[in-house]
Amino acid sequence: MKKLLLATAAGALIAGAAGAEDIKMGMSLGFTGPLESMAPAMRDGAQLAMKEVSDSGLLLDGSTVTPVEGDSTCADAAAATATVERLITAEGVKGIVGGMCSGETIATLENVAKPNGVVMISPSATSPALSTIDDNGLFFRTSPSDARQGEVMANIIMEKGIDTVAVTYTNNDYGKGLADSFQAAFEEKGGTVTVSSAHDDGKADYSAEVAALASAGGDALVVAGYVDQGGSGVVRAALDTGAFDTFVFPDGMIGNALVENFGSEIDGSFGQNPAAEGEGRDKYIEMAKEAGFDGSNVFSAESYDAAALMLLAMAAAGSSDPGVYKDKIMDIANEPGEKIMPGELAKAIEILNDGGEVDYVGATSVEFIEPGESAGVYREVSFNNGEMEIVGYR
């Protein structure tokens, strides 16, 4: 009997080892380009979730998870497409955290991920166009659509007693989508947009664009741009010429680089970006600090959640095949099930392995509405004494 038990145990170990695999997970983020200052903390967030799952030894018979990063540039759709094609066809990734910017996300989803049947969960692509794109159930995002951000921004501005603004937006899907959704919401509330005009990234001088904005007037300037590119260029030109002294900053401008660039020059300005509050966020920031990076950086928490959702969906599906596990992502993100916080991914996999259900709350209070859209919570910030301060959450 003892020999039989030993043989059975040995057979189980061999079977388990045979079922294990090295699951490669891609990260397509803009390590160069208009949001390059945000990318490292986003990468670190995604890798933190991957390491947590890999170290647990519980996913798919003890499979390991290996991160593979690629530079999307955030702005160059052709470069992003080439990057995602490499991740999928050469590296064989089973899912991708990304894209980072909306235009390149649309391009890589339609040209590469969708034809190859690979899941993408973006932590930061917010264009409303992604809400209705034909994605074969392969695309999700942990940041909310700019249709929602436009409403939130309009409310904040009106509450501050500002009813006339000029708008400048980066000339791409993200900028145009956000500018349009904001203008519609602001005007519906009785506000006036004096002008809404595009700016191109990569220019050395934005004085002409600012002159046109100033001639239209407005009590504040909404800058729907990128902090590492034209958005900061517009702000610099506006400050140097005295055209505007109050700025409204949406998510593409919110970051440590904004304070580093302008300090107290933008005192009195304000803005918002996707970010939840509460136990999940606090735990994630603590985990990130222990891992050696700043988890409060924009879209870092959303990146952790994007990776975690894919890996937990694999556990629920019993497969790393994106064509199979994609159908479990909505189940993992929403009720019913035991609520799962950052740092509890091993616990979640144990529950799933036993046939139970989980409701992944994560670092950003994840809740998906059809089709794979994040319901979204926004952090309101203000700039005072050269620092960015959190006002509250909406």
Protein backbone atom coordinates (compact mmCIF):
# COMPACT_ATOMS: atom_id res chain seq x y z
CA MET A 1 0.00 0.00 0.00
CA LYS A 2 2.84 2.40 0.89
CA LYS A 3 4.49 1.78 -2.50
CA LEU A 4 1.15 2.39 -4.21
CA LEU A 5 0.71 5.72 -2.41
CA LEU A 6 4.24 6.81 -3.29
CA ALA A 7 3.71 5.87 -6.91
CA THR A 8 0.43 7.79 -7.00
CA ALA A 9 2.05 10.87 -5.46
CA ALA A 10 4.95 10.70 -7.90
CA GLY A 11 2.54 10.38 -10.78
CA ALA A 12 0.64 13.45 -9.61
CA LEU A 13 3.86 15.48 -9.42
CA ILE A 14 4.85 14.43 -12.92
CA ALA A 15 1.39 15.31 -14.25
CA GLY A 16 1.51 18.68 -12.51
CA ALA A 17 4.94 19.47 -13.91
CA ALA A 18 3.84 18.43 -17.36
CA GLY A 19 0.92 20.89 -17.16
CA ALA A 20 3.08 23.83 -16.10
CA GLU A 21 4.27 26.38 -18.64
CA ASP A 22 6.18 29.63 -18.86
CA ILE A 23 3.44 32.16 -19.59
CA LYS A 24 4.82 35.23 -21.30
CA MET A 25 2.87 38.44 -20.70
CA GLY A 26 3.47 41.50 -22.86
CA MET A 27 3.61 45.15 -21.88
CA SER A 28 3.23 47.66 -24.70
CA LEU A 29 3.94 51.05 -23.12
CA GLY A 30 5.42 54.37 -24.24
CA PHE A 31 8.91 54.18 -22.79
CA THR A 32 9.77 56.92 -25.26
CA GLY A 33 7.41 59.61 -26.48
CA PRO A 34 4.93 62.08 -24.99
CA LEU A 35 4.22 60.16 -21.76
CA GLU A 36 7.59 58.50 -21.19
CA SER A 37 7.78 59.78 -17.61
CA MET A 38 4.69 57.72 -16.72
CA ALA A 39 5.73 54.42 -18.34
CA PRO A 40 8.25 53.08 -15.77
CA ALA A 41 5.78 53.04 -12.86
CA MET A 42 3.16 51.49 -15.14
CA ARG A 43 5.60 48.73 -16.12
CA ASP A 44 6.54 48.21 -12.48
CA GLY A 45 2.88 47.90 -11.51
CA ALA A 46 2.16 45.26 -14.14
CA GLN A 47 5.33 43.33 -13.22
CA LEU A 48 4.38 43.41 -9.55
CA ALA A 49 1.16 41.52 -10.31
CA MET A 50 2.98 39.07 -12.58
CA LYS A 51 5.60 38.34 -9.92
CA GLU A 52 2.97 37.90 -7.24
CA VAL A 53 1.17 35.27 -9.32
CA SER A 54 4.38 33.57 -10.46
CA ASP A 55 5.73 33.35 -6.91
CA SER A 56 2.50 31.76 -5.70
CA GLY A 57 3.13 28.62 -7.76
CA LEU A 58 -0.64 28.16 -7.96
CA LEU A 59 -1.46 29.24 -11.51
CA LEU A 60 -2.12 26.42 -13.98
CA ASP A 61 -0.21 23.58 -12.32
CA GLY A 62 2.62 25.80 -11.13
CA SER A 63 3.15 27.84 -14.29
CA THR A 64 5.54 30.78 -14.13
CA VAL A 65 4.86 34.25 -15.52
CA THR A 66 7.51 36.12 -17.48
CA PRO A 67 7.03 39.81 -18.40
CA VAL A 68 8.12 40.95 -21.87
CA GLU A 69 8.16 44.70 -22.47
CA GLY A 70 7.92 46.64 -25.71
CA ASP A 71 8.07 50.35 -26.51
CA SER A 72 4.88 51.57 -28.17
CA THR A 73 6.21 55.18 -28.23
CA CYS A 74 2.62 56.09 -27.33
CA ALA A 75 2.35 58.32 -30.39
CA ASP A 76 3.63 56.40 -33.42
CA ALA A 77 1.00 53.86 -34.52
CA ALA A 78 3.38 52.14 -36.94
CA ALA A 79 6.05 51.68 -34.28
CA ALA A 80 3.46 50.44 -31.79
CA THR A 81 2.08 47.96 -34.33
CA ALA A 82 5.58 46.59 -34.96
CA THR A 83 6.15 46.27 -31.21
CA VAL A 84 2.92 44.38 -30.57
CA GLU A 85 3.53 42.16 -33.60
CA ARG A 86 6.91 41.21 -32.10
CA LEU A 87 5.37 40.53 -28.71
CA ILE A 88 2.75 38.24 -30.22
CA THR A 89 4.49 36.49 -33.10
CA ALA A 90 8.10 36.36 -31.90
CA GLU A 91 7.71 36.30 -28.12
CA GLY A 92 4.43 34.37 -28.00
CA VAL A 93 2.79 36.45 -25.27
CA LYS A 94 -0.59 35.29 -23.96
CA GLY A 95 -1.88 38.77 -23.18
CA ILE A 96 -0.80 42.40 -23.32
CA VAL A 97 -0.94 45.21 -20.77
CA GLY A 98 -1.45 48.08 -23.18
CA GLY A 99 -1.56 50.06 -25.28
CA MET A 100 -0.85 53.26 -23.48
CA CYS A 101 -2.20 56.02 -25.75
CA SER A 102 -5.52 55.74 -27.54
CA GLY A 103 -4.45 56.05 -31.18
CA GLU A 104 -1.75 53.41 -31.03
CA THR A 105 -4.04 51.18 -28.98
CA ILE A 106 -6.68 51.30 -31.70
CA ALA A 107 -4.06 50.54 -34.35
CA THR A 108 -2.45 47.62 -32.51
CA LEU A 109 -5.78 46.13 -31.52
CA GLU A 110 -7.18 46.22 -35.04
CA ASN A 111 -4.00 45.32 -36.92
CA VAL A 112 -2.36 42.75 -34.66
CA ALA A 113 -4.10 41.68 -31.45
CA LYS A 114 -7.54 41.08 -32.92
CA PRO A 115 -6.34 39.09 -35.99
CA ASN A 116 -4.15 36.96 -33.69
CA GLY A 117 -6.79 36.56 -31.00
CA VAL A 118 -4.75 38.08 -28.16
CA VAL A 119 -6.28 39.89 -25.18
CA MET A 120 -5.28 43.50 -24.50
CA ILE A 121 -6.14 45.35 -21.31
CA SER A 122 -5.12 49.00 -21.44
CA PRO A 123 -4.43 50.85 -18.21
CA SER A 124 -4.57 54.29 -19.82
CA ALA A 125 -6.15 54.46 -23.31
CA THR A 126 -9.26 56.54 -22.68
CA SER A 127 -10.69 57.58 -26.07
CA PRO A 128 -14.48 57.15 -26.31
CA ALA A 129 -13.86 55.52 -29.72
CA LEU A 130 -12.59 52.42 -27.92
CA SER A 131 -16.01 51.91 -26.32
CA THR A 132 -17.62 50.90 -29.60
CA ILE A 133 -14.72 49.32 -31.47
CA ASP A 134 -15.27 45.80 -32.84
CA ASP A 135 -12.81 43.87 -30.67
CA ASN A 136 -14.12 40.27 -30.70
CA GLY A 137 -14.25 40.43 -26.91
CA LEU A 138 -10.47 40.86 -26.68
CA PHE A 139 -10.14 44.45 -25.44
CA PHE A 140 -10.72 45.83 -21.95
CA ARG A 141 -9.45 48.84 -20.02
CA THR A 142 -8.97 49.59 -16.35
CA SER A 143 -9.21 53.36 -16.87
CA PRO A 144 -12.59 54.91 -17.70
CA SER A 145 -13.60 56.46 -21.02
CA ASP A 146 -13.04 60.17 -21.59
CA ALA A 147 -16.77 60.48 -22.09
CA ARG A 148 -16.89 60.22 -18.30
CA GLN A 149 -13.81 62.41 -17.76
CA GLY A 150 -15.37 65.18 -19.83
CA GLU A 151 -18.36 65.28 -17.50
CA VAL A 152 -16.20 65.23 -14.37
CA MET A 153 -13.97 68.02 -15.66
CA ALA A 154 -16.97 70.16 -16.61
CA ASN A 155 -18.42 69.75 -13.11
CA ILE A 156 -15.16 70.72 -11.39
CA ILE A 157 -14.71 73.83 -13.53
CA MET A 158 -18.29 75.04 -13.03
CA GLU A 159 -18.07 74.47 -9.27
CA LYS A 160 -15.07 76.82 -9.19
CA GLY A 161 -17.18 79.58 -10.73
CA ILE A 162 -15.45 79.45 -14.11
CA ASP A 163 -17.89 79.53 -17.02
CA THR A 164 -15.66 80.45 -19.99
CA VAL A 165 -12.62 78.43 -21.07
CA ALA A 166 -10.38 77.98 -24.07
CA VAL A 167 -9.39 74.43 -24.98
CA THR A 168 -6.24 73.10 -26.62
CA TYR A 169 -5.85 69.38 -27.33
CA THR A 170 -3.15 67.14 -28.72
CA ASN A 171 -3.94 66.34 -32.33
CA ASN A 172 -4.88 62.64 -32.01
CA ASP A 173 -7.71 60.31 -30.97
CA TYR A 174 -7.19 60.92 -27.26
CA GLY A 175 -7.04 64.69 -27.46
CA LYS A 176 -9.94 65.15 -29.88
CA GLY A 177 -12.16 62.65 -28.06
CA LEU A 178 -11.60 64.29 -24.68
CA ALA A 179 -11.99 67.83 -26.02
CA ASP A 180 -15.28 66.96 -27.71
CA SER A 181 -16.74 65.13 -24.70
CA PHE A 182 -15.72 67.97 -22.38
CA GLN A 183 -17.17 70.68 -24.61
CA ALA A 184 -20.49 68.88 -24.91
CA ALA A 185 -20.74 68.44 -21.13
CA PHE A 186 -19.57 71.99 -20.33
CA GLU A 187 -21.95 73.67 -22.75
CA GLU A 188 -24.84 71.53 -21.52
CA LYS A 189 -24.18 72.95 -18.05
CA GLY A 190 -24.24 76.53 -19.39
CA GLY A 191 -20.51 77.05 -19.87
CA THR A 192 -18.86 78.59 -22.92
CA VAL A 193 -15.90 77.21 -24.84
CA THR A 194 -14.38 80.21 -26.59
CA VAL A 195 -12.20 78.09 -28.87
CA SER A 196 -11.18 74.43 -29.16
CA SER A 197 -8.07 73.96 -31.24
CA ALA A 198 -5.50 71.23 -31.79
CA HIS A 199 -1.77 71.45 -31.20
CA ASP A 200 0.87 69.14 -32.65
CA ASP A 201 3.43 67.49 -30.41
CA GLY A 202 7.14 67.84 -30.97
CA LYS A 203 7.32 71.56 -31.71
CA ALA A 204 9.91 73.83 -30.17
CA ASP A 205 7.63 76.89 -29.99
CA TYR A 206 3.90 77.13 -29.27
CA SER A 207 3.59 80.92 -29.19
CA ALA A 208 1.41 81.01 -32.32
CA GLU A 209 -1.05 78.49 -30.88
CA VAL A 210 -1.19 80.38 -27.58
CA ALA A 211 -1.76 83.70 -29.34
CA ALA A 212 -4.81 82.26 -31.08
CA LEU A 213 -6.13 80.84 -27.80
CA ALA A 214 -5.56 84.15 -26.02
CA SER A 215 -7.40 86.12 -28.70
CA ALA A 216 -10.47 83.97 -28.14
CA GLY A 217 -10.27 84.57 -24.39
CA GLY A 218 -11.44 82.55 -21.42
CA ASP A 219 -10.98 82.50 -17.66
CA ALA A 220 -8.89 79.33 -17.86
CA LEU A 221 -7.12 77.17 -20.43
CA VAL A 222 -7.95 73.46 -20.62
CA VAL A 223 -4.83 71.59 -21.77
CA ALA A 224 -5.83 68.15 -23.07
CA GLY A 225 -2.28 67.21 -24.00
CA TYR A 226 0.76 65.25 -22.89
CA VAL A 227 2.97 66.38 -20.03
CA ASP A 228 6.20 65.25 -21.75
CA GLN A 229 5.30 66.88 -25.05
CA GLY A 230 3.18 69.66 -26.51
CA GLY A 231 0.97 70.08 -23.48
CA SER A 232 3.86 71.40 -21.41
CA GLY A 233 5.03 73.44 -24.40
CA VAL A 234 1.66 75.20 -24.57
CA VAL A 235 1.69 75.90 -20.83
CA ARG A 236 5.21 77.32 -21.03
CA ALA A 237 4.27 79.65 -23.89
CA ALA A 238 1.09 80.75 -22.08
CA LEU A 239 3.00 81.56 -18.91
CA ASP A 240 5.80 83.36 -20.73
CA THR A 241 3.36 85.59 -22.61
CA GLY A 242 0.91 86.08 -19.76
CA ALA A 243 -1.91 84.72 -21.92
CA PHE A 244 -3.33 82.51 -19.16
CA ASP A 245 -2.49 81.95 -15.51
CA THR A 246 -5.09 79.31 -14.63
CA PHE A 247 -4.93 75.89 -16.28
CA VAL A 248 -7.14 72.83 -16.19
CA PHE A 249 -5.21 69.56 -16.51
CA PRO A 250 -6.81 66.24 -17.45
CA ASP A 251 -5.10 62.86 -17.08
CA GLY A 252 -2.45 63.18 -19.80
CA MET A 253 -0.99 66.17 -17.97
CA ILE A 254 -1.21 64.94 -14.38
CA GLY A 255 2.10 63.66 -13.10
CA ASN A 256 5.26 64.48 -11.20
CA ALA A 257 6.74 65.94 -14.40
CA LEU A 258 4.13 68.72 -14.35
CA VAL A 259 5.27 69.92 -10.94
CA GLU A 260 8.91 69.51 -11.92
CA ASN A 261 8.34 71.56 -15.07
CA PHE A 262 6.41 74.47 -13.56
CA GLY A 263 6.46 74.42 -9.76
CA SER A 264 4.62 77.40 -8.27
CA GLU A 265 4.05 78.95 -11.71
CA ILE A 266 0.84 76.94 -12.00
CA ASP A 267 -0.46 77.66 -8.49
CA GLY A 268 -4.23 77.98 -8.58
CA SER A 269 -4.59 75.49 -11.42
CA PHE A 270 -6.37 72.16 -11.02
CA GLY A 271 -7.33 68.96 -12.76
CA GLN A 272 -8.29 65.30 -12.47
CA ASN A 273 -7.13 61.81 -13.40
CA PRO A 274 -8.48 58.28 -12.95
CA ALA A 275 -7.56 57.01 -9.48
CA ALA A 276 -9.56 55.27 -6.79
CA GLU A 277 -9.36 55.75 -3.05
CA GLY A 278 -9.67 53.35 -0.19
CA GLU A 279 -8.21 50.10 1.07
CA GLY A 280 -7.14 48.73 -2.32
CA ARG A 281 -5.23 51.83 -3.37
CA ASP A 282 -3.58 52.21 0.05
CA LYS A 283 -2.45 48.59 0.01
CA TYR A 284 -1.10 48.90 -3.53
CA ILE A 285 0.92 52.04 -2.73
CA GLU A 286 2.39 50.23 0.28
CA MET A 287 3.29 47.21 -1.86
CA ALA A 288 4.87 49.43 -4.52
CA LYS A 289 6.97 51.22 -1.91
CA GLU A 290 8.28 47.89 -0.67
CA ALA A 291 9.09 46.95 -4.27
CA GLY A 292 11.03 50.20 -4.76
CA PHE A 293 8.76 52.38 -6.88
CA ASP A 294 6.06 55.02 -6.42
CA GLY A 295 2.65 53.40 -6.83
CA SER A 296 0.86 56.76 -6.68
CA ASN A 297 2.16 57.62 -10.16
CA VAL A 298 -0.57 57.97 -12.76
CA PHE A 299 -1.89 54.68 -14.22
CA SER A 300 0.51 52.52 -12.19
CA ALA A 301 -2.33 50.98 -10.17
CA GLU A 302 -4.38 50.50 -13.33
CA SER A 303 -1.45 48.55 -14.80
CA TYR A 304 -1.29 46.23 -11.79
CA ASP A 305 -5.00 45.58 -12.16
CA ALA A 306 -4.74 44.96 -15.91
CA ALA A 307 -2.14 42.22 -15.43
CA ALA A 308 -3.97 40.75 -12.44
CA LEU A 309 -7.26 40.48 -14.33
CA MET A 310 -5.72 38.51 -17.19
CA LEU A 311 -3.88 36.12 -14.88
CA LEU A 312 -6.89 35.49 -12.66
CA ALA A 313 -9.02 34.93 -15.76
CA MET A 314 -6.53 32.26 -16.83
CA ALA A 315 -6.97 30.57 -13.47
CA ALA A 316 -10.75 30.73 -13.77
CA ALA A 317 -10.65 29.32 -17.30
CA GLY A 318 -8.02 26.71 -16.56
CA SER A 319 -6.13 27.90 -19.63
CA SER A 320 -3.63 30.53 -20.75
CA ASP A 321 -5.24 30.56 -24.21
CA PRO A 322 -6.59 34.12 -24.69
CA GLY A 323 -9.40 32.75 -26.84
CA VAL A 324 -10.57 30.84 -23.78
CA TYR A 325 -9.78 33.09 -20.80
CA LYS A 326 -11.13 36.29 -22.40
CA ASP A 327 -14.65 35.11 -21.50
CA LYS A 328 -13.76 35.02 -17.81
CA ILE A 329 -12.47 38.58 -17.44
CA MET A 330 -15.87 40.17 -16.86
CA ASP A 331 -16.69 37.49 -14.28
CA ILE A 332 -13.45 38.13 -12.41
CA ALA A 333 -13.95 41.92 -12.41
CA ASN A 334 -17.50 41.92 -11.07
CA GLU A 335 -19.73 40.37 -8.44
CA PRO A 336 -20.50 37.76 -7.22
CA GLY A 337 -17.53 36.34 -5.37
CA GLU A 338 -15.07 37.02 -2.58
CA LYS A 339 -13.55 40.49 -2.86
CA ILE A 340 -9.86 40.46 -3.77
CA MET A 341 -7.44 43.26 -2.92
CA PRO A 342 -3.86 43.88 -4.08
CA GLY A 343 -1.52 41.32 -2.56
CA GLU A 344 -4.28 38.69 -2.49
CA LEU A 345 -3.77 37.18 -5.93
CA ALA A 346 -2.60 33.85 -4.51
CA LYS A 347 -5.73 33.72 -2.36
CA ALA A 348 -7.85 34.44 -5.44
CA ILE A 349 -6.22 31.65 -7.44
CA GLU A 350 -6.77 29.19 -4.59
CA ILE A 351 -10.48 30.06 -4.56
CA LEU A 352 -10.71 29.72 -8.34
CA ASN A 353 -8.77 26.44 -8.35
CA ASP A 354 -11.33 25.09 -5.86
CA GLY A 355 -14.20 26.10 -8.14
CA GLY A 356 -15.18 29.26 -6.24
CA GLU A 357 -15.82 32.81 -7.44
CA VAL A 358 -13.96 36.06 -6.86
CA ASP A 359 -14.83 39.74 -7.30
CA TYR A 360 -11.57 41.51 -8.12
CA VAL A 361 -11.54 44.96 -6.51
CA GLY A 362 -7.81 45.51 -6.87
CA ALA A 363 -5.99 48.81 -6.60
CA THR A 364 -8.56 50.86 -8.55
CA SER A 365 -11.92 49.53 -7.35
CA VAL A 366 -12.33 47.60 -10.58
CA GLU A 367 -15.88 47.36 -11.88
CA PHE A 368 -16.54 46.63 -15.54
CA ILE A 369 -19.62 47.67 -17.44
CA GLU A 370 -20.31 46.30 -20.90
CA PRO A 371 -18.33 46.05 -23.13
CA GLY A 372 -15.30 45.71 -20.85
CA GLU A 373 -15.44 49.34 -19.76
CA SER A 374 -14.27 50.57 -16.38
CA ALA A 375 -16.93 52.44 -14.42
CA GLY A 376 -14.19 54.78 -13.19
CA VAL A 377 -13.34 56.95 -10.20
CA TYR A 378 -11.48 60.26 -10.62
CA ARG A 379 -9.03 61.95 -8.30
CA GLU A 380 -9.39 65.74 -8.17
CA VAL A 381 -6.13 67.64 -7.66
CA SER A 382 -5.04 71.23 -7.21
CA PHE A 383 -1.69 72.97 -7.44
CA ASN A 384 -0.58 75.15 -4.56
CA ASN A 385 2.81 76.34 -3.33
CA GLY A 386 4.53 74.41 -6.09
CA GLU A 387 2.96 71.09 -5.07
CA MET A 388 0.16 68.88 -6.30
CA GLU A 389 -2.48 68.26 -3.64
CA ILE A 390 -5.32 65.74 -3.64
CA VAL A 391 -8.69 67.45 -3.17
CA GLY A 392 -10.96 64.41 -3.26
CA TYR A 393 -12.49 61.70 -5.42
CA ARG A 394 -15.50 61.64 -7.74
